[in-house]
Amino acid sequence: MHEIENRDTYSMMENCKKHMYQPIQLELTDGSVYQGILHSYDNEKMYMLMPNMSANQQASREDDRFFFPFFGPFGLFGFPFFGVRRFGPFFPFFI
């Protein structure tokens, strides 16, 4: 079982390396879909830069601006490899 998990993790990390700093679309095993920019990865998770659209947070809060002036209304979100069904490039425009 560990051999399969290691192979899946290795292929996921290779795919992350291929799409680093590019817009991607991510589908989780529960069916939810996210779009963002692949920021980084480690041995267990991939991290995406995505809009921070939480229901409890307003986009125009001034105190957030002082802590993260370069991200604005964006946040860095981690997704564990075991919860990812698939991901690939995302093209939010027509060519």
N, C-alpha and C. Protein backbone atom coordinates (compact mmCIF):
# COMPACT_ATOMS: atom_id res chain seq x y z
N MET A 1 0.82 -1.20 0.00
CA MET A 1 0.00 0.00 0.00
C MET A 1 0.86 1.26 0.00
N HIS A 2 1.95 1.25 0.76
CA HIS A 2 2.82 2.42 0.82
C HIS A 2 3.48 2.69 -0.52
N GLU A 3 3.76 1.62 -1.29
CA GLU A 3 4.37 1.80 -2.59
C GLU A 3 3.44 2.56 -3.53
N ILE A 4 2.15 2.25 -3.48
CA ILE A 4 1.16 2.94 -4.31
C ILE A 4 1.06 4.40 -3.88
N GLU A 5 1.00 4.64 -2.56
CA GLU A 5 0.93 6.02 -2.07
C GLU A 5 2.16 6.81 -2.47
N ASN A 6 3.35 6.20 -2.36
CA ASN A 6 4.58 6.89 -2.74
C ASN A 6 4.61 7.21 -4.23
N ARG A 7 4.13 6.26 -5.06
CA ARG A 7 4.10 6.49 -6.49
C ARG A 7 3.12 7.61 -6.83
N ASP A 8 1.95 7.62 -6.20
CA ASP A 8 0.97 8.68 -6.42
C ASP A 8 1.51 10.04 -5.97
N THR A 9 2.16 10.07 -4.82
CA THR A 9 2.75 11.31 -4.33
C THR A 9 3.84 11.80 -5.26
N TYR A 10 4.68 10.87 -5.74
CA TYR A 10 5.74 11.26 -6.66
C TYR A 10 5.17 11.82 -7.96
N SER A 11 4.15 11.18 -8.52
CA SER A 11 3.55 11.69 -9.76
C SER A 11 2.87 13.04 -9.53
N MET A 12 2.27 13.23 -8.37
CA MET A 12 1.63 14.50 -8.03
C MET A 12 2.69 15.60 -7.91
N MET A 13 3.82 15.28 -7.30
CA MET A 13 4.90 16.26 -7.16
C MET A 13 5.51 16.60 -8.52
N GLU A 14 5.63 15.63 -9.40
CA GLU A 14 6.14 15.89 -10.76
C GLU A 14 5.17 16.79 -11.53
N ASN A 15 3.88 16.56 -11.36
CA ASN A 15 2.87 17.40 -12.00
C ASN A 15 2.91 18.82 -11.43
N CYS A 16 3.15 18.94 -10.13
CA CYS A 16 3.28 20.26 -9.50
C CYS A 16 4.48 21.00 -10.07
N LYS A 17 5.60 20.29 -10.21
CA LYS A 17 6.81 20.90 -10.76
C LYS A 17 6.55 21.42 -12.17
N LYS A 18 5.78 20.68 -12.94
CA LYS A 18 5.47 21.05 -14.33
C LYS A 18 4.60 22.31 -14.41
N HIS A 19 3.69 22.49 -13.45
CA HIS A 19 2.72 23.59 -13.50
C HIS A 19 2.99 24.69 -12.47
N MET A 20 4.19 24.75 -11.92
CA MET A 20 4.52 25.74 -10.90
C MET A 20 4.30 27.17 -11.41
N TYR A 21 3.66 28.00 -10.60
CA TYR A 21 3.38 29.42 -10.86
C TYR A 21 2.45 29.63 -12.06
N GLN A 22 1.66 28.64 -12.40
CA GLN A 22 0.71 28.76 -13.50
C GLN A 22 -0.72 28.65 -12.96
N PRO A 23 -1.70 29.22 -13.68
CA PRO A 23 -3.10 29.03 -13.28
C PRO A 23 -3.48 27.56 -13.46
N ILE A 24 -4.06 26.97 -12.42
CA ILE A 24 -4.50 25.58 -12.50
C ILE A 24 -5.93 25.46 -11.99
N GLN A 25 -6.55 24.35 -12.35
CA GLN A 25 -7.86 23.98 -11.82
C GLN A 25 -7.67 22.68 -11.07
N LEU A 26 -8.19 22.61 -9.86
CA LEU A 26 -7.99 21.50 -8.96
C LEU A 26 -9.33 20.88 -8.63
N GLU A 27 -9.44 19.56 -8.76
CA GLU A 27 -10.66 18.86 -8.37
C GLU A 27 -10.33 17.93 -7.22
N LEU A 28 -11.09 18.05 -6.14
CA LEU A 28 -10.88 17.22 -4.96
C LEU A 28 -11.74 15.97 -5.04
N THR A 29 -11.45 15.00 -4.19
CA THR A 29 -12.19 13.74 -4.20
C THR A 29 -13.65 13.92 -3.79
N ASP A 30 -13.99 15.01 -3.11
CA ASP A 30 -15.39 15.26 -2.74
C ASP A 30 -16.17 15.96 -3.86
N GLY A 31 -15.50 16.24 -5.00
CA GLY A 31 -16.17 16.86 -6.14
C GLY A 31 -16.03 18.36 -6.22
N SER A 32 -15.50 19.01 -5.20
CA SER A 32 -15.34 20.46 -5.24
C SER A 32 -14.19 20.83 -6.19
N VAL A 33 -14.33 21.98 -6.84
CA VAL A 33 -13.37 22.44 -7.84
C VAL A 33 -12.88 23.83 -7.46
N TYR A 34 -11.58 24.06 -7.57
CA TYR A 34 -10.96 25.34 -7.25
C TYR A 34 -10.05 25.77 -8.38
N GLN A 35 -9.97 27.07 -8.59
CA GLN A 35 -9.02 27.64 -9.55
C GLN A 35 -8.12 28.60 -8.81
N GLY A 36 -6.85 28.60 -9.19
CA GLY A 36 -5.89 29.50 -8.58
C GLY A 36 -4.53 29.33 -9.23
N ILE A 37 -3.53 29.92 -8.62
CA ILE A 37 -2.16 29.82 -9.12
C ILE A 37 -1.39 28.89 -8.20
N LEU A 38 -0.75 27.88 -8.78
CA LEU A 38 0.04 26.95 -7.99
C LEU A 38 1.27 27.69 -7.47
N HIS A 39 1.34 27.85 -6.16
CA HIS A 39 2.39 28.64 -5.53
C HIS A 39 3.59 27.78 -5.13
N SER A 40 3.33 26.64 -4.49
CA SER A 40 4.41 25.79 -4.00
C SER A 40 3.85 24.42 -3.64
N TYR A 41 4.75 23.51 -3.26
CA TYR A 41 4.35 22.18 -2.80
C TYR A 41 5.44 21.63 -1.91
N ASP A 42 5.05 20.63 -1.12
CA ASP A 42 6.03 19.91 -0.31
C ASP A 42 5.73 18.42 -0.45
N ASN A 43 6.16 17.59 0.49
CA ASN A 43 5.95 16.15 0.37
C ASN A 43 4.51 15.71 0.63
N GLU A 44 3.68 16.59 1.18
CA GLU A 44 2.32 16.21 1.55
C GLU A 44 1.23 17.07 0.93
N LYS A 45 1.54 18.33 0.62
CA LYS A 45 0.50 19.27 0.17
C LYS A 45 0.97 20.10 -1.01
N MET A 46 -0.03 20.63 -1.72
CA MET A 46 0.22 21.65 -2.73
C MET A 46 -0.47 22.92 -2.25
N TYR A 47 0.11 24.08 -2.57
CA TYR A 47 -0.40 25.35 -2.08
C TYR A 47 -0.78 26.23 -3.26
N MET A 48 -1.99 26.77 -3.20
CA MET A 48 -2.50 27.61 -4.27
C MET A 48 -2.80 29.00 -3.75
N LEU A 49 -2.52 29.98 -4.57
CA LEU A 49 -2.88 31.37 -4.30
C LEU A 49 -4.25 31.59 -4.93
N MET A 50 -5.25 31.88 -4.08
CA MET A 50 -6.64 32.01 -4.54
C MET A 50 -7.30 33.21 -3.86
N PRO A 51 -8.37 33.72 -4.47
CA PRO A 51 -9.12 34.79 -3.81
C PRO A 51 -9.65 34.31 -2.47
N ASN A 52 -9.56 35.16 -1.47
CA ASN A 52 -10.05 34.84 -0.13
C ASN A 52 -11.47 35.34 -0.01
N MET A 53 -12.42 34.50 -0.30
CA MET A 53 -13.83 34.89 -0.33
C MET A 53 -14.62 34.28 0.83
N SER A 54 -14.09 34.38 2.03
CA SER A 54 -14.82 33.83 3.16
C SER A 54 -16.03 34.70 3.47
N ALA A 55 -17.08 34.08 3.93
CA ALA A 55 -18.34 34.79 4.18
C ALA A 55 -18.22 35.79 5.32
N ASN A 56 -17.31 35.53 6.25
CA ASN A 56 -17.19 36.40 7.42
C ASN A 56 -16.22 37.56 7.21
N GLN A 57 -15.58 37.60 6.05
CA GLN A 57 -14.54 38.60 5.85
C GLN A 57 -14.93 39.54 4.72
N GLN A 58 -14.72 40.81 4.93
CA GLN A 58 -14.99 41.80 3.90
C GLN A 58 -13.71 42.05 3.12
N ALA A 59 -13.82 42.23 1.81
CA ALA A 59 -12.65 42.43 0.96
C ALA A 59 -11.97 43.77 1.23
N SER A 60 -12.68 44.71 1.80
CA SER A 60 -12.11 46.06 1.96
C SER A 60 -11.64 46.35 3.39
N ARG A 61 -11.35 45.33 4.16
CA ARG A 61 -10.88 45.56 5.53
C ARG A 61 -9.50 46.19 5.49
N GLU A 62 -9.34 47.30 6.18
CA GLU A 62 -8.08 48.03 6.13
C GLU A 62 -6.96 47.33 6.90
N ASP A 63 -7.29 46.59 7.98
CA ASP A 63 -6.23 45.94 8.76
C ASP A 63 -5.56 44.82 7.97
N ASP A 64 -6.25 44.14 7.05
CA ASP A 64 -5.64 43.12 6.20
C ASP A 64 -4.62 43.73 5.26
N ARG A 65 -4.87 44.93 4.84
CA ARG A 65 -3.99 45.60 3.89
C ARG A 65 -2.59 45.80 4.48
N PHE A 66 -2.52 46.03 5.79
CA PHE A 66 -1.22 46.27 6.42
C PHE A 66 -0.41 44.98 6.59
N PHE A 67 -1.08 43.85 6.80
CA PHE A 67 -0.37 42.60 7.00
C PHE A 67 0.05 41.95 5.68
N PHE A 68 -0.78 42.02 4.65
CA PHE A 68 -0.49 41.40 3.37
C PHE A 68 -0.73 42.39 2.23
N PRO A 69 0.09 43.41 2.11
CA PRO A 69 -0.17 44.43 1.08
C PRO A 69 -0.01 43.92 -0.34
N PHE A 70 0.81 42.87 -0.56
CA PHE A 70 1.05 42.38 -1.91
C PHE A 70 0.03 41.33 -2.33
N PHE A 71 -0.65 40.68 -1.38
CA PHE A 71 -1.66 39.68 -1.74
C PHE A 71 -3.03 40.30 -1.93
N GLY A 72 -3.31 41.42 -1.27
CA GLY A 72 -4.63 42.01 -1.38
C GLY A 72 -5.68 41.07 -0.85
N PRO A 73 -6.76 40.84 -1.62
CA PRO A 73 -7.83 39.95 -1.13
C PRO A 73 -7.55 38.48 -1.44
N PHE A 74 -6.28 38.09 -1.56
CA PHE A 74 -5.92 36.71 -1.87
C PHE A 74 -5.31 36.03 -0.66
N GLY A 75 -5.34 34.70 -0.68
CA GLY A 75 -4.75 33.93 0.40
C GLY A 75 -4.04 32.71 -0.15
N LEU A 76 -3.21 32.11 0.66
CA LEU A 76 -2.48 30.90 0.29
C LEU A 76 -3.17 29.73 0.96
N PHE A 77 -3.66 28.78 0.17
CA PHE A 77 -4.42 27.66 0.69
C PHE A 77 -3.72 26.35 0.36
N GLY A 78 -3.64 25.44 1.33
CA GLY A 78 -3.00 24.15 1.15
C GLY A 78 -4.00 23.04 0.92
N PHE A 79 -3.67 22.14 0.01
CA PHE A 79 -4.51 20.98 -0.30
C PHE A 79 -3.66 19.72 -0.20
N PRO A 80 -4.02 18.77 0.68
CA PRO A 80 -3.23 17.55 0.80
C PRO A 80 -3.36 16.69 -0.46
N PHE A 81 -2.27 16.04 -0.85
CA PHE A 81 -2.27 15.22 -2.06
C PHE A 81 -3.32 14.11 -2.02
N PHE A 82 -3.55 13.51 -0.84
CA PHE A 82 -4.50 12.41 -0.78
C PHE A 82 -5.93 12.86 -1.07
N GLY A 83 -6.22 14.14 -0.97
CA GLY A 83 -7.57 14.63 -1.24
C GLY A 83 -7.77 15.16 -2.65
N VAL A 84 -6.71 15.12 -3.48
CA VAL A 84 -6.78 15.66 -4.83
C VAL A 84 -7.10 14.54 -5.81
N ARG A 85 -8.18 14.70 -6.57
CA ARG A 85 -8.51 13.73 -7.60
C ARG A 85 -7.68 13.98 -8.85
N ARG A 86 -7.64 15.25 -9.29
CA ARG A 86 -6.84 15.62 -10.46
C ARG A 86 -6.69 17.13 -10.51
N PHE A 87 -5.68 17.57 -11.25
CA PHE A 87 -5.51 18.99 -11.51
C PHE A 87 -4.72 19.16 -12.79
N GLY A 88 -4.86 20.34 -13.35
CA GLY A 88 -4.16 20.64 -14.59
C GLY A 88 -4.27 22.12 -14.90
N PRO A 89 -3.76 22.52 -16.05
CA PRO A 89 -3.78 23.94 -16.42
C PRO A 89 -5.21 24.47 -16.52
N PHE A 90 -5.36 25.72 -16.17
CA PHE A 90 -6.67 26.38 -16.24
C PHE A 90 -6.53 27.61 -17.12
N PHE A 91 -7.38 27.70 -18.13
CA PHE A 91 -7.36 28.82 -19.04
C PHE A 91 -8.63 29.63 -18.89
N PRO A 92 -8.60 30.71 -18.11
CA PRO A 92 -9.82 31.49 -17.87
C PRO A 92 -10.17 32.41 -19.03
N PHE A 93 -9.57 32.21 -20.17
CA PHE A 93 -9.84 33.05 -21.33
C PHE A 93 -9.87 32.15 -22.56
N PHE A 94 -10.42 32.64 -23.63
CA PHE A 94 -10.49 31.88 -24.87
C PHE A 94 -9.32 32.26 -25.77
N ILE A 95 -8.73 31.28 -26.39
CA ILE A 95 -7.58 31.51 -27.28
C ILE A 95 -8.08 31.61 -28.71
